[in-house]
Amino acid sequence: MQSHRYAATHADGPVESGGRSNAPDMLARLMGLYIVVAVGRVGDVVPWLHSIPLAKLVAGVAIIAAVRSRRASAIAIWKSVPPAKLTLALMGVVIISILWSFLRSASFAIITSTALAVIVTMLLVIKAARNWAAVKTILLGTVFASIVLVATVFTSKINDAGGYRSGYSSSYDPNDFAFVLIGLLPLVVTFGIVSRGAKRLFYFATAGFVVVAILLTQSRGGFIGLIVDVVAMMFLLPVARRGQLRFRASTSGLVARAILLVIIGFVIWQSLPEPARVRLGTITELGSDYNANVAEGGRLAIWSRNFPLIINRPWGYGAGSFEAVDGLLAGGQYRAPHNTLLEVLIELGVPGLLLFISTIVSSLRYLRVPRHGDQNKATTADPDEPRAFARGLAVGWVGLCLTGFFLTQLYSNVLWTFVALSCAVGIVRRHPMPTSVGVISTDTATPRMADKKRDLNAQAIAKPTE
């Protein structure tokens, strides 16, 4: 019965009560486009677009679409979504930190460029998450963002040492570039798993290019994140067999996956340029790296001289003020923190750090729905598909947290995009939409076929989900 519902839902698309198509609306498409623009940074590929505020334009149109569709009620409001409440609270701390900021001009820039964008994006995504078709459309924006980012590999600059490292652009340096792709990779792979035919090949090919792009950044933190991503995907993401998703892999299946990944990894490694292999090979020699030497001014030096400053101002020094604090109070060289947690602690204080960690934990918890929950809480698609993307997001979260430990990513677009996507996927997994379970579309049917399909729909609605 379950596989029949899955096929019927995917063949024609579900409908809402009254026969209205439950296809993604304009707001969902705009939010998917916003991810492409804000995370993918199209301006880095098309230079003449760089001076145009594309993200603001798309967000403006999305706000108009949300206002025009106000009669179409959302299935959740931000007050009922824990990660959204924590995000808005944290952005509130960012905004009010200007009152005591050590560098108010920097705080004002963060408020106008990031905090307001995060708030608006969160509210719009929650508004757009009316059904699974809409949420999947928003998620699709991560795939096209990945494609745009991979395209920038071919336009990357040569670094000062003369070696090739992807990611040198006006938006991302190589480490930031790897960070973003580490988060997006599991979602691209999940699309490949839940798709069929040519679409599956397209998504898996895109994932392969993303892996190569990560390796070409020569980011050692990104390399560690990639390894963690691959291992987590091997154990957590489902396998598609005979049109069904299986989440419990057998021992033989895990062994087969591991062998396949080793073969693919060996081929990709041997195809990398020699400078990339040499640099990534030094990952086992991090003890002799300058970042581990306090006297040489690397990451450890930045951390050790700035961390004690929190004792003087446990409420923080204000959003965007870290570099000024490092130079004027810590006796440093106006360096970035190179650690997201330290960035939060210095700029937003202990309350900000607690809110930040709580937001991430809440996002992960919101993705998880108890297996033996209320049978009536069904989504607009087979429950396996949202479950697969929930796992893909969780894997991406692990990669972002691990890689972000060595980077400055508090105001990263991809980080807050993941919070919004976690809210959207969690909403359709948790909120009841009984009129959409196993429903067969009647949009293109003849009157007689439509009557028959409505009868089948009524039977599917009346019978509890197995």
Protein backbone atom coordinates (compact mmCIF):
# COMPACT_ATOMS: atom_id res chain seq x y z
CA MET A 1 0.00 0.00 0.00
CA GLN A 2 2.84 2.35 0.89
CA SER A 3 4.69 1.89 -2.41
CA HIS A 4 1.40 2.45 -4.31
CA ARG A 5 0.85 5.76 -2.54
CA TYR A 6 4.44 6.74 -3.27
CA ALA A 7 4.04 6.08 -7.00
CA ALA A 8 0.68 7.83 -7.18
CA THR A 9 1.95 10.90 -5.37
CA HIS A 10 4.98 11.21 -7.61
CA ALA A 11 3.14 10.48 -10.83
CA ASP A 12 0.69 13.32 -10.73
CA GLY A 13 1.48 15.37 -7.65
CA PRO A 14 -0.80 15.66 -4.61
CA VAL A 15 -3.75 17.97 -4.28
CA GLU A 16 -5.20 19.92 -1.42
CA SER A 17 -8.81 19.86 -0.32
CA GLY A 18 -11.18 20.97 -3.01
CA GLY A 19 -9.06 19.55 -5.83
CA ARG A 20 -6.66 22.50 -5.97
CA SER A 21 -3.19 21.47 -7.13
CA ASN A 22 -0.62 21.33 -4.36
CA ALA A 23 2.19 22.35 -6.71
CA PRO A 24 4.86 24.77 -5.46
CA ASP A 25 3.70 28.36 -5.72
CA MET A 26 5.58 31.47 -6.79
CA LEU A 27 6.89 32.18 -3.28
CA ALA A 28 8.58 28.78 -3.07
CA ARG A 29 10.21 29.27 -6.47
CA LEU A 30 11.44 32.71 -5.45
CA MET A 31 12.97 31.35 -2.25
CA GLY A 32 14.74 28.65 -4.24
CA LEU A 33 16.04 31.36 -6.56
CA TYR A 34 17.12 33.39 -3.53
CA ILE A 35 19.32 30.49 -2.38
CA VAL A 36 20.90 30.32 -5.83
CA VAL A 37 21.68 34.03 -5.74
CA ALA A 38 22.63 34.46 -2.07
CA VAL A 39 24.61 31.23 -1.63
CA GLY A 40 25.71 30.53 -5.20
CA ARG A 41 26.75 34.15 -5.88
CA VAL A 42 25.88 34.30 -9.56
CA GLY A 43 27.78 37.57 -9.85
CA ASP A 44 31.07 35.71 -9.50
CA VAL A 45 30.36 33.82 -12.72
CA VAL A 46 28.73 36.67 -14.65
CA PRO A 47 30.84 39.77 -13.87
CA TRP A 48 28.33 42.34 -15.12
CA LEU A 49 25.81 41.04 -12.56
CA HIS A 50 28.15 41.62 -9.65
CA SER A 51 27.15 45.27 -9.24
CA ILE A 52 23.43 44.42 -9.18
CA PRO A 53 21.94 43.57 -5.74
CA LEU A 54 20.31 40.38 -7.01
CA ALA A 55 19.62 38.92 -3.58
CA LYS A 56 17.82 42.06 -2.44
CA LEU A 57 15.80 42.20 -5.65
CA VAL A 58 14.70 38.57 -5.35
CA ALA A 59 13.87 39.06 -1.67
CA GLY A 60 11.82 42.14 -2.53
CA VAL A 61 9.80 40.25 -5.13
CA ALA A 62 9.36 37.38 -2.66
CA ILE A 63 7.95 39.78 -0.06
CA ILE A 64 5.46 41.05 -2.64
CA ALA A 65 4.50 37.47 -3.51
CA ALA A 66 4.01 36.66 0.18
CA VAL A 67 1.77 39.68 0.67
CA ARG A 68 -0.27 38.86 -2.44
CA SER A 69 -0.73 35.26 -1.26
CA ARG A 70 -1.69 36.18 2.30
CA ARG A 71 -5.00 34.36 1.89
CA ALA A 72 -3.10 31.10 1.40
CA SER A 73 -2.43 30.29 5.04
CA ALA A 74 0.87 28.72 6.02
CA ILE A 75 0.80 25.45 7.97
CA ALA A 76 3.05 26.92 10.68
CA ILE A 77 4.05 30.29 12.07
CA TRP A 78 7.46 31.21 13.36
CA LYS A 79 6.30 31.14 16.98
CA SER A 80 5.63 27.41 16.67
CA VAL A 81 9.04 26.60 15.14
CA PRO A 82 11.80 26.46 17.81
CA PRO A 83 14.80 27.03 15.48
CA ALA A 84 13.07 30.07 14.00
CA LYS A 85 12.39 31.57 17.44
CA LEU A 86 16.01 31.07 18.48
CA THR A 87 17.25 32.55 15.21
CA LEU A 88 15.13 35.67 15.62
CA ALA A 89 16.31 35.97 19.22
CA LEU A 90 19.94 35.74 18.15
CA MET A 91 19.43 38.31 15.40
CA GLY A 92 17.82 40.49 18.05
CA VAL A 93 21.02 40.27 20.08
CA VAL A 94 22.98 41.21 16.94
CA ILE A 95 20.79 44.27 16.45
CA ILE A 96 20.83 45.56 20.03
CA SER A 97 24.59 44.93 20.35
CA ILE A 98 25.10 48.19 18.48
CA LEU A 99 24.20 49.98 21.73
CA TRP A 100 27.45 48.85 23.37
CA SER A 101 29.46 47.97 20.27
CA PHE A 102 33.20 48.60 20.22
CA LEU A 103 32.87 49.53 16.55
CA ARG A 104 29.36 50.75 15.77
CA SER A 105 29.94 51.24 12.06
CA ALA A 106 30.80 47.54 11.69
CA SER A 107 27.76 46.55 13.77
CA PHE A 108 25.50 48.74 11.66
CA ALA A 109 26.83 47.08 8.50
CA ILE A 110 26.13 43.60 9.92
CA ILE A 111 22.62 44.61 10.98
CA THR A 112 21.66 46.04 7.58
CA SER A 113 23.39 43.39 5.45
CA THR A 114 22.94 40.16 7.43
CA ALA A 115 20.61 40.34 10.42
CA LEU A 116 17.66 41.79 8.54
CA ALA A 117 18.25 39.42 5.61
CA VAL A 118 18.25 36.40 7.95
CA ILE A 119 15.02 37.52 9.61
CA VAL A 120 13.21 38.18 6.33
CA THR A 121 14.46 34.94 4.75
CA MET A 122 13.38 32.87 7.74
CA LEU A 123 9.86 34.31 7.74
CA LEU A 124 9.49 33.89 3.97
CA VAL A 125 10.67 30.27 3.98
CA ILE A 126 8.26 29.38 6.78
CA LYS A 127 5.47 31.12 4.85
CA ALA A 128 6.41 29.19 1.69
CA ALA A 129 6.57 25.79 3.43
CA ARG A 130 2.92 24.97 2.78
CA ASN A 131 3.51 21.47 1.46
CA TRP A 132 6.29 19.11 0.47
CA ALA A 133 6.24 20.17 -3.19
CA ALA A 134 7.02 23.74 -2.13
CA VAL A 135 9.76 22.71 0.29
CA LYS A 136 11.38 20.48 -2.31
CA THR A 137 11.38 23.40 -4.74
CA ILE A 138 13.18 25.53 -2.18
CA LEU A 139 15.67 22.73 -1.55
CA LEU A 140 16.30 22.50 -5.28
CA GLY A 141 17.88 25.94 -5.02
CA THR A 142 20.83 24.32 -3.22
CA VAL A 143 21.53 22.15 -6.27
CA PHE A 144 21.64 25.09 -8.66
CA ALA A 145 23.72 27.05 -6.15
CA SER A 146 26.19 24.15 -6.21
CA ILE A 147 26.27 24.24 -10.01
CA VAL A 148 26.99 27.97 -9.99
CA LEU A 149 29.77 27.51 -7.44
CA VAL A 150 31.33 24.67 -9.42
CA ALA A 151 31.27 26.95 -12.46
CA THR A 152 33.38 29.48 -10.57
CA VAL A 153 36.16 26.88 -10.36
CA PHE A 154 36.93 27.64 -13.99
CA THR A 155 37.14 31.37 -13.28
CA SER A 156 39.17 31.18 -10.07
CA LYS A 157 42.33 33.20 -9.73
CA ILE A 158 45.85 31.95 -9.24
CA ASN A 159 47.08 32.55 -5.73
CA ASP A 160 50.21 34.51 -4.88
CA ALA A 161 52.37 31.41 -4.65
CA GLY A 162 51.53 30.49 -8.21
CA GLY A 163 49.46 27.45 -7.33
CA TYR A 164 45.88 26.87 -8.43
CA ARG A 165 43.25 26.95 -5.69
CA SER A 166 39.56 27.18 -6.53
CA GLY A 167 37.52 29.70 -4.64
CA TYR A 168 39.43 32.93 -5.13
CA SER A 169 36.56 35.28 -5.93
CA SER A 170 34.99 38.46 -4.65
CA SER A 171 32.67 36.37 -2.45
CA TYR A 172 34.64 33.38 -1.22
CA ASP A 173 38.25 32.57 -0.51
CA PRO A 174 39.22 28.88 -0.91
CA ASN A 175 38.39 27.97 2.70
CA ASP A 176 34.98 29.68 2.58
CA PHE A 177 34.34 28.09 -0.80
CA ALA A 178 35.00 24.62 0.64
CA PHE A 179 32.81 25.40 3.66
CA VAL A 180 29.79 26.21 1.51
CA LEU A 181 30.17 23.16 -0.72
CA ILE A 182 30.64 20.86 2.29
CA GLY A 183 27.17 21.87 3.44
CA LEU A 184 25.51 21.60 0.03
CA LEU A 185 27.02 18.25 -1.03
CA PRO A 186 24.72 15.95 1.05
CA LEU A 187 21.62 17.70 -0.33
CA VAL A 188 22.77 17.22 -3.92
CA VAL A 189 23.41 13.52 -3.20
CA THR A 190 19.98 13.19 -1.56
CA PHE A 191 18.33 14.56 -4.70
CA GLY A 192 20.19 11.89 -6.65
CA ILE A 193 18.96 9.16 -4.31
CA VAL A 194 15.28 10.11 -4.49
CA SER A 195 15.30 10.69 -8.27
CA ARG A 196 15.24 8.29 -11.20
CA GLY A 197 16.64 7.97 -14.68
CA ALA A 198 18.41 10.94 -16.24
CA LYS A 199 17.70 13.16 -13.25
CA ARG A 200 19.54 10.77 -10.96
CA LEU A 201 22.58 10.78 -13.24
CA PHE A 202 22.47 14.58 -13.38
CA TYR A 203 22.41 14.97 -9.59
CA PHE A 204 25.15 12.41 -8.99
CA ALA A 205 27.31 13.99 -11.69
CA THR A 206 26.82 17.37 -10.01
CA ALA A 207 27.83 15.83 -6.68
CA GLY A 208 31.00 14.47 -8.30
CA PHE A 209 31.94 17.93 -9.58
CA VAL A 210 31.26 19.37 -6.13
CA VAL A 211 33.71 16.89 -4.60
CA VAL A 212 36.37 17.82 -7.13
CA ALA A 213 35.77 21.53 -6.48
CA ILE A 214 36.22 20.98 -2.73
CA LEU A 215 39.50 19.18 -3.28
CA LEU A 216 40.73 21.88 -5.66
CA THR A 217 40.34 24.48 -2.92
CA GLN A 218 43.24 22.68 -1.22
CA SER A 219 41.56 23.53 2.07
CA ARG A 220 42.71 21.06 4.69
CA GLY A 221 39.72 21.87 6.90
CA GLY A 222 37.50 21.34 3.87
CA PHE A 223 39.25 18.02 3.21
CA ILE A 224 38.46 16.86 6.75
CA GLY A 225 34.87 18.04 6.33
CA LEU A 226 34.60 16.15 3.04
CA ILE A 227 35.77 12.93 4.66
CA VAL A 228 33.23 13.35 7.46
CA ASP A 229 30.51 14.14 4.89
CA VAL A 230 31.24 11.00 2.88
CA VAL A 231 31.37 8.70 5.93
CA ALA A 232 28.15 10.18 7.37
CA MET A 233 26.34 9.88 4.03
CA MET A 234 27.41 6.26 3.74
CA PHE A 235 25.74 5.38 7.06
CA LEU A 236 22.81 7.83 7.22
CA LEU A 237 21.45 8.41 3.73
CA PRO A 238 18.97 5.85 2.38
CA VAL A 239 19.27 3.56 -0.61
CA ALA A 240 16.66 3.57 -3.39
CA ARG A 241 15.56 0.10 -4.46
CA ARG A 242 12.55 -0.74 -6.61
CA GLY A 243 11.06 2.70 -6.16
CA GLN A 244 11.34 2.64 -2.36
CA LEU A 245 13.79 4.26 0.03
CA ARG A 246 15.46 1.96 2.52
CA PHE A 247 17.05 3.58 5.53
CA ARG A 248 18.56 0.50 7.13
CA ALA A 249 21.50 -0.63 5.09
CA SER A 250 22.70 -4.19 5.46
CA THR A 251 26.29 -5.01 6.29
CA SER A 252 26.89 -6.17 2.73
CA GLY A 253 25.37 -2.94 1.44
CA LEU A 254 27.68 -0.83 3.61
CA VAL A 255 30.68 -2.83 2.44
CA ALA A 256 29.65 -2.34 -1.19
CA ARG A 257 29.26 1.41 -0.62
CA ALA A 258 32.65 1.61 1.07
CA ILE A 259 34.39 -0.23 -1.78
CA LEU A 260 32.72 1.97 -4.39
CA LEU A 261 33.69 5.14 -2.51
CA VAL A 262 37.29 3.99 -2.17
CA ILE A 263 37.52 3.34 -5.91
CA ILE A 264 35.93 6.69 -6.80
CA GLY A 265 38.11 8.47 -4.23
CA PHE A 266 41.29 6.89 -5.63
CA VAL A 267 40.41 7.93 -9.18
CA ILE A 268 39.60 11.50 -8.13
CA TRP A 269 42.76 11.77 -6.01
CA GLN A 270 44.98 10.61 -8.85
CA SER A 271 43.31 13.14 -11.14
CA LEU A 272 44.11 16.11 -8.90
CA PRO A 273 46.97 18.47 -9.77
CA GLU A 274 50.22 17.73 -7.97
CA PRO A 275 50.14 20.95 -5.84
CA ALA A 276 46.71 20.00 -4.51
CA ARG A 277 47.83 16.50 -3.52
CA VAL A 278 50.95 17.84 -1.84
CA ARG A 279 49.09 20.45 0.20
CA LEU A 280 46.27 18.12 1.22
CA GLY A 281 48.85 15.49 2.09
CA THR A 282 50.22 17.76 4.82
CA ILE A 283 47.01 17.22 6.80
CA THR A 284 48.92 14.62 8.85
CA GLU A 285 51.56 17.23 9.73
CA LEU A 286 49.32 19.85 11.33
CA GLY A 287 51.47 19.83 14.46
CA SER A 288 54.23 21.61 12.54
CA ASP A 289 51.81 24.02 10.81
CA TYR A 290 52.13 27.71 11.62
CA ASN A 291 48.50 27.72 12.83
CA ALA A 292 49.51 25.48 15.74
CA ASN A 293 52.37 27.76 16.80
CA VAL A 294 51.40 30.68 19.04
CA ALA A 295 54.61 32.55 18.23
CA GLU A 296 53.96 32.55 14.46
CA GLY A 297 50.64 34.39 14.55
CA GLY A 298 48.38 31.62 13.27
CA ARG A 299 44.95 30.51 14.44
CA LEU A 300 46.12 29.36 17.86
CA ALA A 301 47.74 32.76 18.47
CA ILE A 302 44.50 34.57 17.56
CA TRP A 303 42.46 32.33 19.83
CA SER A 304 44.80 32.54 22.81
CA ARG A 305 45.07 36.35 22.83
CA ASN A 306 41.38 37.09 22.29
CA PHE A 307 39.66 34.47 24.43
CA PRO A 308 40.61 36.09 27.79
CA LEU A 309 38.93 39.35 26.70
CA ILE A 310 35.50 37.84 27.29
CA ILE A 311 36.11 38.14 31.03
CA ASN A 312 36.07 41.93 30.72
CA ARG A 313 32.82 42.06 28.73
CA PRO A 314 30.82 38.82 28.97
CA TRP A 315 28.00 40.52 27.05
CA GLY A 316 30.33 40.95 24.03
CA TYR A 317 31.93 43.76 22.09
CA GLY A 318 29.28 44.13 19.40
CA ALA A 319 28.52 42.49 16.04
CA GLY A 320 31.30 42.78 13.48
CA SER A 321 33.85 44.13 15.96
CA PHE A 322 36.23 41.17 16.28
CA GLU A 323 39.03 42.49 14.06
CA ALA A 324 39.02 45.86 15.81
CA VAL A 325 39.10 44.12 19.19
CA ASP A 326 42.00 41.94 18.06
CA GLY A 327 44.02 44.93 16.91
CA LEU A 328 43.20 47.51 19.59
CA LEU A 329 42.61 45.43 22.71
CA ALA A 330 44.40 42.12 22.17
CA GLY A 331 47.55 43.55 20.64
CA GLY A 332 47.08 41.61 17.44
CA GLN A 333 47.11 42.48 13.75
CA TYR A 334 43.39 43.07 13.16
CA ARG A 335 42.90 39.41 12.24
CA ALA A 336 39.65 37.52 11.74
CA PRO A 337 38.87 34.98 14.48
CA HIS A 338 39.13 31.86 12.26
CA ASN A 339 36.76 30.17 14.69
CA THR A 340 33.01 30.72 14.53
CA LEU A 341 32.43 29.98 18.22
CA LEU A 342 35.10 32.47 19.28
CA GLU A 343 33.60 35.01 16.90
CA VAL A 344 30.20 34.63 18.55
CA LEU A 345 31.67 34.75 22.05
CA ILE A 346 33.69 37.94 21.50
CA GLU A 347 31.06 39.82 19.48
CA LEU A 348 27.80 38.68 21.11
CA GLY A 349 29.04 37.45 24.46
CA VAL A 350 27.96 34.45 26.49
CA PRO A 351 24.21 34.99 25.76
CA GLY A 352 24.95 35.06 22.03
CA LEU A 353 27.02 31.88 22.23
CA LEU A 354 24.26 30.05 24.09
CA LEU A 355 21.68 31.18 21.54
CA PHE A 356 23.92 30.21 18.63
CA ILE A 357 24.58 26.70 19.90
CA SER A 358 20.92 26.29 20.85
CA THR A 359 19.87 27.28 17.31
CA ILE A 360 22.03 24.57 15.74
CA VAL A 361 20.93 21.91 18.24
CA SER A 362 17.29 22.92 17.83
CA SER A 363 17.59 22.72 14.03
CA LEU A 364 18.88 19.17 14.26
CA ARG A 365 16.19 18.17 16.75
CA TYR A 366 13.45 19.75 14.65
CA LEU A 367 14.48 17.64 11.67
CA ARG A 368 13.91 14.48 13.65
CA VAL A 369 10.39 13.17 14.03
CA PRO A 370 9.73 10.25 16.41
CA ARG A 371 9.31 7.09 14.41
CA HIS A 372 6.16 6.03 16.24
CA GLY A 373 4.58 9.46 16.27
CA ASP A 374 0.99 10.38 15.51
CA GLN A 375 -0.18 8.44 12.48
CA ASN A 376 -2.35 11.38 11.41
CA LYS A 377 0.63 13.72 11.09
CA ALA A 378 1.36 13.03 7.46
CA THR A 379 3.09 15.11 4.86
CA THR A 380 2.15 15.94 1.30
CA ALA A 381 4.47 13.29 -0.07
CA ASP A 382 5.52 9.83 0.93
CA PRO A 383 7.05 10.35 4.38
CA ASP A 384 10.27 8.66 3.26
CA GLU A 385 11.29 11.53 0.98
CA PRO A 386 11.17 14.32 3.61
CA ARG A 387 12.90 11.92 5.96
CA ALA A 388 15.72 11.45 3.43
CA PHE A 389 16.22 15.21 3.10
CA ALA A 390 16.11 15.60 6.87
CA ARG A 391 19.07 13.23 7.04
CA GLY A 392 20.81 15.06 4.21
CA LEU A 393 20.46 18.33 6.10
CA ALA A 394 21.74 16.69 9.28
CA VAL A 395 24.86 15.46 7.45
CA GLY A 396 25.36 18.93 6.00
CA TRP A 397 25.06 20.40 9.49
CA VAL A 398 27.82 18.12 10.77
CA GLY A 399 30.10 19.18 7.93
CA LEU A 400 29.36 22.88 8.46
CA CYS A 401 29.98 22.70 12.21
CA LEU A 402 33.23 20.83 11.81
CA THR A 403 34.61 23.03 9.03
CA GLY A 404 33.28 26.22 10.61
CA PHE A 405 35.32 25.56 13.74
CA PHE A 406 38.37 26.74 11.80
CA LEU A 407 36.66 29.57 9.90
CA THR A 408 34.79 32.85 10.45
CA GLN A 409 31.23 31.93 9.49
CA LEU A 410 28.80 33.54 11.95
CA TYR A 411 27.27 35.67 9.18
CA SER A 412 27.58 33.08 6.41
CA ASN A 413 24.60 32.85 4.06
CA VAL A 414 24.78 29.08 3.84
CA LEU A 415 24.72 28.68 7.62
CA TRP A 416 21.46 30.58 8.08
CA THR A 417 20.06 29.04 4.90
CA PHE A 418 20.49 25.66 6.59
CA VAL A 419 18.54 26.87 9.62
CA ALA A 420 15.69 28.02 7.35
CA LEU A 421 15.72 24.76 5.38
CA SER A 422 15.70 22.75 8.61
CA CYS A 423 12.61 24.69 9.66
CA ALA A 424 10.90 24.03 6.31
CA VAL A 425 11.60 20.29 6.25
CA GLY A 426 10.69 19.96 9.91
CA ILE A 427 7.38 21.75 9.34
CA VAL A 428 6.15 19.37 6.65
CA ARG A 429 7.25 16.37 8.72
CA ARG A 430 5.56 17.50 11.92
CA HIS A 431 2.36 19.31 10.98
CA PRO A 432 -0.80 17.42 10.01
CA MET A 433 -1.91 17.59 6.39
CA PRO A 434 -4.32 14.65 6.21
CA THR A 435 -5.93 15.74 2.95
CA SER A 436 -2.71 15.16 1.03
CA VAL A 437 -1.79 11.61 1.98
CA GLY A 438 -1.74 9.29 -0.97
CA VAL A 439 -3.84 11.68 -2.99
CA ILE A 440 -3.95 11.29 -6.75
CA SER A 441 -4.12 14.38 -8.92
CA THR A 442 -7.40 15.14 -10.74
CA ASP A 443 -6.18 18.15 -12.66
CA THR A 444 -5.78 16.51 -16.04
CA ALA A 445 -8.32 13.70 -15.70
CA THR A 446 -11.61 13.31 -17.55
CA PRO A 447 -14.79 13.72 -15.45
CA ARG A 448 -15.24 9.96 -15.08
CA MET A 449 -11.58 9.45 -14.23
CA ALA A 450 -11.72 12.39 -11.85
CA ASP A 451 -14.69 10.85 -9.98
CA LYS A 452 -12.82 7.55 -9.69
CA LYS A 453 -9.67 9.28 -8.46
CA ARG A 454 -11.65 11.26 -5.90
CA ASP A 455 -13.03 7.97 -4.57
CA LEU A 456 -9.48 6.60 -4.31
CA ASN A 457 -8.39 9.80 -2.60
CA ALA A 458 -11.21 9.52 -0.08
CA GLN A 459 -10.23 5.92 0.67
CA ALA A 460 -6.59 6.91 1.11
CA ILE A 461 -7.55 9.74 3.47
CA ALA A 462 -9.90 7.58 5.51
CA LYS A 463 -7.40 4.74 5.92
CA PRO A 464 -4.54 5.43 8.38
CA THR A 465 -1.03 5.54 7.00
CA GLU A 466 0.83 2.26 7.40
